[in-house]
Amino acid sequence: SLRSAIEEVLDSKHENVGGRRRPSLKEALVQSRKEDHQSKILLSTMNEGCLLIDIDGIIMYANDAVGRIIGCDSADVLGRPMAALLDKETQRRFLEFHRFLASEHSPQSAAFEGHLHGAGKRNGRLKKTAMFSARSVHSELGKYESCLVVIADISEMVEARQALAHANARLQELDRLKNQFVSIVTHD
């Protein structure tokens, strides 16, 4: 029967030139499904947002962390332009990088800090500071196909850095006042 012929082809083992056994088509399919499942688990457990952007700048894939970062379901960003999630300056940098990728024939990478516009339900529209790491994906022939963007929410770190700078400035002011007070007291 046709089914048994297909199973025979899937189960057949072929020798390559080096004499090593190549996996059957069935084994290769099982391995491919296993690797696909492992990749999905890895992407779903990441704290960083992971997006796949097509050649036109449209979001084709978004892991769950993207939704957590911007405050909506990650499925809500699918089919939307990446630029719609960014503030003006970050949009400009991303679009410039995206055009550069399309003109190249080998994978390129870039990392930059920018701002995301979230859609948080509690806070209305929110702004998050993020570190963007992007890498282009090219075909075997060197044609640009898509861009993988990893987004790390660094909002809390930036806020802590600003609070530390403010506290440091306040300490410097207190030190200046202390020195001024000591100077006044020692002159009297």
C-alpha atoms as a PDB file:
ATOM      1  CA  SER A   1       0.000   0.000   0.000  1.00  0.00           C
ATOM      2  CA  LEU A   2       0.961   3.645  -0.343  1.00  0.00           C
ATOM      3  CA  ARG A   3       1.152   4.071   3.435  1.00  0.00           C
ATOM      4  CA  SER A   4       3.602   1.193   3.848  1.00  0.00           C
ATOM      5  CA  ALA A   5       5.704   2.520   0.954  1.00  0.00           C
ATOM      6  CA  ILE A   6       5.871   5.955   2.617  1.00  0.00           C
ATOM      7  CA  GLU A   7       6.799   4.392   5.973  1.00  0.00           C
ATOM      8  CA  GLU A   8       9.497   2.309   4.254  1.00  0.00           C
ATOM      9  CA  VAL A   9      11.003   5.467   2.720  1.00  0.00           C
ATOM     10  CA  LEU A  10      10.777   7.297   6.030  1.00  0.00           C
ATOM     11  CA  ASP A  11      12.451   4.393   7.873  1.00  0.00           C
ATOM     12  CA  SER A  12      15.127   3.718   5.255  1.00  0.00           C
ATOM     13  CA  LYS A  13      18.687   4.419   6.253  1.00  0.00           C
ATOM     14  CA  HIS A  14      21.219   5.765   3.784  1.00  0.00           C
ATOM     15  CA  GLU A  15      24.993   5.621   3.906  1.00  0.00           C
ATOM     16  CA  ASN A  16      26.839   8.787   3.055  1.00  0.00           C
ATOM     17  CA  VAL A  17      30.240   8.973   1.400  1.00  0.00           C
ATOM     18  CA  GLY A  18      32.085   8.851   4.724  1.00  0.00           C
ATOM     19  CA  GLY A  19      30.427   5.545   5.611  1.00  0.00           C
ATOM     20  CA  ARG A  20      28.587   6.956   8.608  1.00  0.00           C
ATOM     21  CA  ARG A  21      24.900   6.231   8.994  1.00  0.00           C
ATOM     22  CA  ARG A  22      22.678   9.172   8.206  1.00  0.00           C
ATOM     23  CA  PRO A  23      19.418   9.361  10.103  1.00  0.00           C
ATOM     24  CA  SER A  24      16.306   8.284   8.252  1.00  0.00           C
ATOM     25  CA  LEU A  25      13.821  10.915   7.187  1.00  0.00           C
ATOM     26  CA  LYS A  26      11.552   9.789  10.018  1.00  0.00           C
ATOM     27  CA  GLU A  27      14.378  10.168  12.570  1.00  0.00           C
ATOM     28  CA  ALA A  28      15.226  13.599  11.150  1.00  0.00           C
ATOM     29  CA  LEU A  29      11.579  14.698  11.458  1.00  0.00           C
ATOM     30  CA  VAL A  30      11.406  13.481  15.070  1.00  0.00           C
ATOM     31  CA  GLN A  31      14.667  15.302  15.861  1.00  0.00           C
ATOM     32  CA  SER A  32      13.403  18.467  14.153  1.00  0.00           C
ATOM     33  CA  ARG A  33      10.168  18.392  16.170  1.00  0.00           C
ATOM     34  CA  LYS A  34      12.148  17.844  19.367  1.00  0.00           C
ATOM     35  CA  GLU A  35      14.411  20.809  18.611  1.00  0.00           C
ATOM     36  CA  ASP A  36      11.375  22.954  17.728  1.00  0.00           C
ATOM     37  CA  HIS A  37       9.747  22.031  21.049  1.00  0.00           C
ATOM     38  CA  GLN A  38      12.955  22.842  22.967  1.00  0.00           C
ATOM     39  CA  SER A  39      13.236  26.208  21.187  1.00  0.00           C
ATOM     40  CA  LYS A  40       9.643  27.067  22.113  1.00  0.00           C
ATOM     41  CA  ILE A  41      10.305  26.190  25.754  1.00  0.00           C
ATOM     42  CA  LEU A  42      13.466  28.308  25.765  1.00  0.00           C
ATOM     43  CA  LEU A  43      11.709  31.320  24.224  1.00  0.00           C
ATOM     44  CA  SER A  44       8.691  31.040  26.519  1.00  0.00           C
ATOM     45  CA  THR A  45      10.828  30.995  29.677  1.00  0.00           C
ATOM     46  CA  MET A  46      13.058  33.952  28.772  1.00  0.00           C
ATOM     47  CA  ASN A  47      12.752  37.152  30.812  1.00  0.00           C
ATOM     48  CA  GLU A  48      13.798  39.145  27.762  1.00  0.00           C
ATOM     49  CA  GLY A  49      11.369  39.926  24.997  1.00  0.00           C
ATOM     50  CA  CYS A  50      12.136  38.226  21.720  1.00  0.00           C
ATOM     51  CA  LEU A  51      10.713  39.451  18.402  1.00  0.00           C
ATOM     52  CA  LEU A  52      11.135  38.286  14.830  1.00  0.00           C
ATOM     53  CA  ILE A  53      10.700  41.169  12.405  1.00  0.00           C
ATOM     54  CA  ASP A  54      10.191  40.598   8.671  1.00  0.00           C
ATOM     55  CA  ILE A  55      11.846  42.530   5.855  1.00  0.00           C
ATOM     56  CA  ASP A  56       9.035  45.138   5.971  1.00  0.00           C
ATOM     57  CA  GLY A  57       9.485  45.753   9.712  1.00  0.00           C
ATOM     58  CA  ILE A  58       6.359  43.788  10.701  1.00  0.00           C
ATOM     59  CA  ILE A  59       6.394  41.650  13.857  1.00  0.00           C
ATOM     60  CA  MET A  60       6.039  37.973  12.895  1.00  0.00           C
ATOM     61  CA  TYR A  61       6.791  36.426  16.301  1.00  0.00           C
ATOM     62  CA  ALA A  62       6.727  37.682  19.887  1.00  0.00           C
ATOM     63  CA  ASN A  63       7.416  35.589  22.970  1.00  0.00           C
ATOM     64  CA  ASP A  64       5.435  35.951  26.209  1.00  0.00           C
ATOM     65  CA  ALA A  65       8.023  38.289  27.765  1.00  0.00           C
ATOM     66  CA  VAL A  66       7.231  40.946  25.136  1.00  0.00           C
ATOM     67  CA  GLY A  67       3.689  41.068  26.492  1.00  0.00           C
ATOM     68  CA  ARG A  68       4.912  41.297  30.091  1.00  0.00           C
ATOM     69  CA  ILE A  69       7.298  44.131  29.208  1.00  0.00           C
ATOM     70  CA  ILE A  70       4.799  46.298  27.344  1.00  0.00           C
ATOM     71  CA  GLY A  71       1.735  45.337  29.351  1.00  0.00           C
ATOM     72  CA  CYS A  72      -0.426  43.481  26.853  1.00  0.00           C
ATOM     73  CA  ASP A  73      -0.802  40.032  25.354  1.00  0.00           C
ATOM     74  CA  SER A  74       2.141  39.214  23.094  1.00  0.00           C
ATOM     75  CA  ALA A  75      -0.293  38.121  20.366  1.00  0.00           C
ATOM     76  CA  ASP A  76      -1.547  41.731  20.211  1.00  0.00           C
ATOM     77  CA  VAL A  77       1.718  42.897  18.632  1.00  0.00           C
ATOM     78  CA  LEU A  78       1.770  40.286  15.847  1.00  0.00           C
ATOM     79  CA  GLY A  79       1.270  41.844  12.428  1.00  0.00           C
ATOM     80  CA  ARG A  80       2.055  45.339  13.740  1.00  0.00           C
ATOM     81  CA  PRO A  81       5.057  47.389  12.658  1.00  0.00           C
ATOM     82  CA  MET A  82       7.944  47.222  15.124  1.00  0.00           C
ATOM     83  CA  ALA A  83       8.222  51.014  14.866  1.00  0.00           C
ATOM     84  CA  ALA A  84       4.752  51.378  16.446  1.00  0.00           C
ATOM     85  CA  LEU A  85       6.161  50.115  19.763  1.00  0.00           C
ATOM     86  CA  LEU A  86       9.008  52.642  19.854  1.00  0.00           C
ATOM     87  CA  ASP A  87       9.384  56.317  20.709  1.00  0.00           C
ATOM     88  CA  LYS A  88      10.469  58.663  17.884  1.00  0.00           C
ATOM     89  CA  GLU A  89      14.231  58.553  18.552  1.00  0.00           C
ATOM     90  CA  THR A  90      14.291  54.766  18.988  1.00  0.00           C
ATOM     91  CA  GLN A  91      12.129  54.433  15.853  1.00  0.00           C
ATOM     92  CA  ARG A  92      14.673  56.433  13.878  1.00  0.00           C
ATOM     93  CA  ARG A  93      17.581  54.282  15.087  1.00  0.00           C
ATOM     94  CA  PHE A  94      15.707  51.019  14.505  1.00  0.00           C
ATOM     95  CA  LEU A  95      14.553  51.974  10.985  1.00  0.00           C
ATOM     96  CA  GLU A  96      18.087  53.093  10.097  1.00  0.00           C
ATOM     97  CA  PHE A  97      19.461  49.778  11.350  1.00  0.00           C
ATOM     98  CA  HIS A  98      16.725  47.833   9.552  1.00  0.00           C
ATOM     99  CA  ARG A  99      17.552  49.553   6.224  1.00  0.00           C
ATOM    100  CA  PHE A 100      21.235  48.779   6.773  1.00  0.00           C
ATOM    101  CA  LEU A 101      20.424  45.089   7.351  1.00  0.00           C
ATOM    102  CA  ALA A 102      18.431  44.879   4.129  1.00  0.00           C
ATOM    103  CA  SER A 103      21.430  46.187   2.183  1.00  0.00           C
ATOM    104  CA  GLU A 104      23.907  43.668   3.652  1.00  0.00           C
ATOM    105  CA  HIS A 105      24.587  40.124   2.464  1.00  0.00           C
ATOM    106  CA  SER A 106      25.774  38.647   5.748  1.00  0.00           C
ATOM    107  CA  PRO A 107      24.424  38.652   9.299  1.00  0.00           C
ATOM    108  CA  GLN A 108      24.938  41.901  11.202  1.00  0.00           C
ATOM    109  CA  SER A 109      24.357  42.775  14.857  1.00  0.00           C
ATOM    110  CA  ALA A 110      23.696  45.925  16.816  1.00  0.00           C
ATOM    111  CA  ALA A 111      22.786  46.884  20.360  1.00  0.00           C
ATOM    112  CA  PHE A 112      21.321  50.165  21.521  1.00  0.00           C
ATOM    113  CA  GLU A 113      19.307  51.651  24.357  1.00  0.00           C
ATOM    114  CA  GLY A 114      15.893  53.078  23.557  1.00  0.00           C
ATOM    115  CA  HIS A 115      12.299  53.422  24.666  1.00  0.00           C
ATOM    116  CA  LEU A 116       9.270  51.200  24.212  1.00  0.00           C
ATOM    117  CA  HIS A 117       5.715  52.422  24.430  1.00  0.00           C
ATOM    118  CA  GLY A 118       3.712  49.966  26.445  1.00  0.00           C
ATOM    119  CA  ALA A 119       0.004  49.497  26.633  1.00  0.00           C
ATOM    120  CA  GLY A 120      -0.313  48.802  30.354  1.00  0.00           C
ATOM    121  CA  LYS A 121      -3.902  48.473  31.475  1.00  0.00           C
ATOM    122  CA  ARG A 122      -3.251  49.945  34.944  1.00  0.00           C
ATOM    123  CA  ASN A 123      -1.054  52.857  33.912  1.00  0.00           C
ATOM    124  CA  GLY A 124      -2.542  53.642  30.517  1.00  0.00           C
ATOM    125  CA  ARG A 125       0.206  54.123  27.983  1.00  0.00           C
ATOM    126  CA  LEU A 126       3.585  53.626  29.637  1.00  0.00           C
ATOM    127  CA  LYS A 127       7.160  54.211  28.561  1.00  0.00           C
ATOM    128  CA  LYS A 128       9.848  51.620  29.269  1.00  0.00           C
ATOM    129  CA  THR A 129      13.575  51.981  28.823  1.00  0.00           C
ATOM    130  CA  ALA A 130      15.014  48.935  27.116  1.00  0.00           C
ATOM    131  CA  MET A 131      18.243  47.570  25.744  1.00  0.00           C
ATOM    132  CA  PHE A 132      17.714  46.300  22.212  1.00  0.00           C
ATOM    133  CA  SER A 133      19.998  43.645  20.725  1.00  0.00           C
ATOM    134  CA  ALA A 134      19.268  42.914  17.090  1.00  0.00           C
ATOM    135  CA  ARG A 135      20.711  40.414  14.622  1.00  0.00           C
ATOM    136  CA  SER A 136      19.805  39.975  11.007  1.00  0.00           C
ATOM    137  CA  VAL A 137      18.802  36.619   9.532  1.00  0.00           C
ATOM    138  CA  HIS A 138      19.967  35.930   5.985  1.00  0.00           C
ATOM    139  CA  SER A 139      19.238  33.073   3.599  1.00  0.00           C
ATOM    140  CA  GLU A 140      21.999  30.728   2.472  1.00  0.00           C
ATOM    141  CA  LEU A 141      22.307  32.949  -0.604  1.00  0.00           C
ATOM    142  CA  GLY A 142      22.920  36.024   1.554  1.00  0.00           C
ATOM    143  CA  LYS A 143      19.481  37.604   1.101  1.00  0.00           C
ATOM    144  CA  TYR A 144      18.143  39.471   4.127  1.00  0.00           C
ATOM    145  CA  GLU A 145      15.006  37.722   5.396  1.00  0.00           C
ATOM    146  CA  SER A 146      14.280  38.934   8.913  1.00  0.00           C
ATOM    147  CA  CYS A 147      15.660  40.419  12.091  1.00  0.00           C
ATOM    148  CA  LEU A 148      15.740  38.883  15.551  1.00  0.00           C
ATOM    149  CA  VAL A 149      15.359  41.517  18.282  1.00  0.00           C
ATOM    150  CA  VAL A 150      15.921  40.760  21.962  1.00  0.00           C
ATOM    151  CA  ILE A 151      14.535  43.365  24.367  1.00  0.00           C
ATOM    152  CA  ALA A 152      15.738  43.656  27.964  1.00  0.00           C
ATOM    153  CA  ASP A 153      13.636  45.944  30.166  1.00  0.00           C
ATOM    154  CA  ILE A 154      16.174  48.121  31.993  1.00  0.00           C
ATOM    155  CA  SER A 155      13.652  50.669  33.332  1.00  0.00           C
ATOM    156  CA  GLU A 156      14.282  49.789  36.979  1.00  0.00           C
ATOM    157  CA  MET A 157      18.037  49.914  36.491  1.00  0.00           C
ATOM    158  CA  VAL A 158      17.808  53.355  34.852  1.00  0.00           C
ATOM    159  CA  GLU A 159      15.523  54.619  37.635  1.00  0.00           C
ATOM    160  CA  ALA A 160      17.966  53.296  40.255  1.00  0.00           C
ATOM    161  CA  ARG A 161      20.872  54.987  38.448  1.00  0.00           C
ATOM    162  CA  GLN A 162      18.949  58.282  38.423  1.00  0.00           C
ATOM    163  CA  ALA A 163      18.037  57.938  42.134  1.00  0.00           C
ATOM    164  CA  LEU A 164      21.680  57.220  42.936  1.00  0.00           C
ATOM    165  CA  ALA A 165      22.820  60.283  40.969  1.00  0.00           C
ATOM    166  CA  HIS A 166      20.225  62.415  42.809  1.00  0.00           C
ATOM    167  CA  ALA A 167      21.339  61.042  46.209  1.00  0.00           C
ATOM    168  CA  ASN A 168      24.984  61.676  45.295  1.00  0.00           C
ATOM    169  CA  ALA A 169      24.185  65.277  44.321  1.00  0.00           C
ATOM    170  CA  ARG A 170      22.323  65.729  47.626  1.00  0.00           C
ATOM    171  CA  LEU A 171      25.313  64.322  49.571  1.00  0.00           C
ATOM    172  CA  GLN A 172      27.648  66.701  47.774  1.00  0.00           C
ATOM    173  CA  GLU A 173      25.347  69.605  48.659  1.00  0.00           C
ATOM    174  CA  LEU A 174      25.259  68.501  52.320  1.00  0.00           C
ATOM    175  CA  ASP A 175      29.041  68.197  52.340  1.00  0.00           C
ATOM    176  CA  ARG A 176      29.330  71.718  50.917  1.00  0.00           C
ATOM    177  CA  LEU A 177      26.953  73.057  53.579  1.00  0.00           C
ATOM    178  CA  LYS A 178      28.877  71.235  56.335  1.00  0.00           C
ATOM    179  CA  ASN A 179      32.167  72.743  55.115  1.00  0.00           C
ATOM    180  CA  GLN A 180      30.544  76.187  54.973  1.00  0.00           C
ATOM    181  CA  PHE A 181      29.184  75.761  58.524  1.00  0.00           C
ATOM    182  CA  VAL A 182      32.577  74.623  59.854  1.00  0.00           C
ATOM    183  CA  SER A 183      34.218  77.590  58.164  1.00  0.00           C
ATOM    184  CA  ILE A 184      31.755  80.026  59.763  1.00  0.00           C
ATOM    185  CA  VAL A 185      32.083  78.459  63.233  1.00  0.00           C
ATOM    186  CA  THR A 186      35.897  78.458  63.158  1.00  0.00           C
ATOM    187  CA  HIS A 187      36.005  82.150  62.174  1.00  0.00           C
ATOM    188  CA  ASP A 188      33.828  83.198  65.140  1.00  0.00           C
END
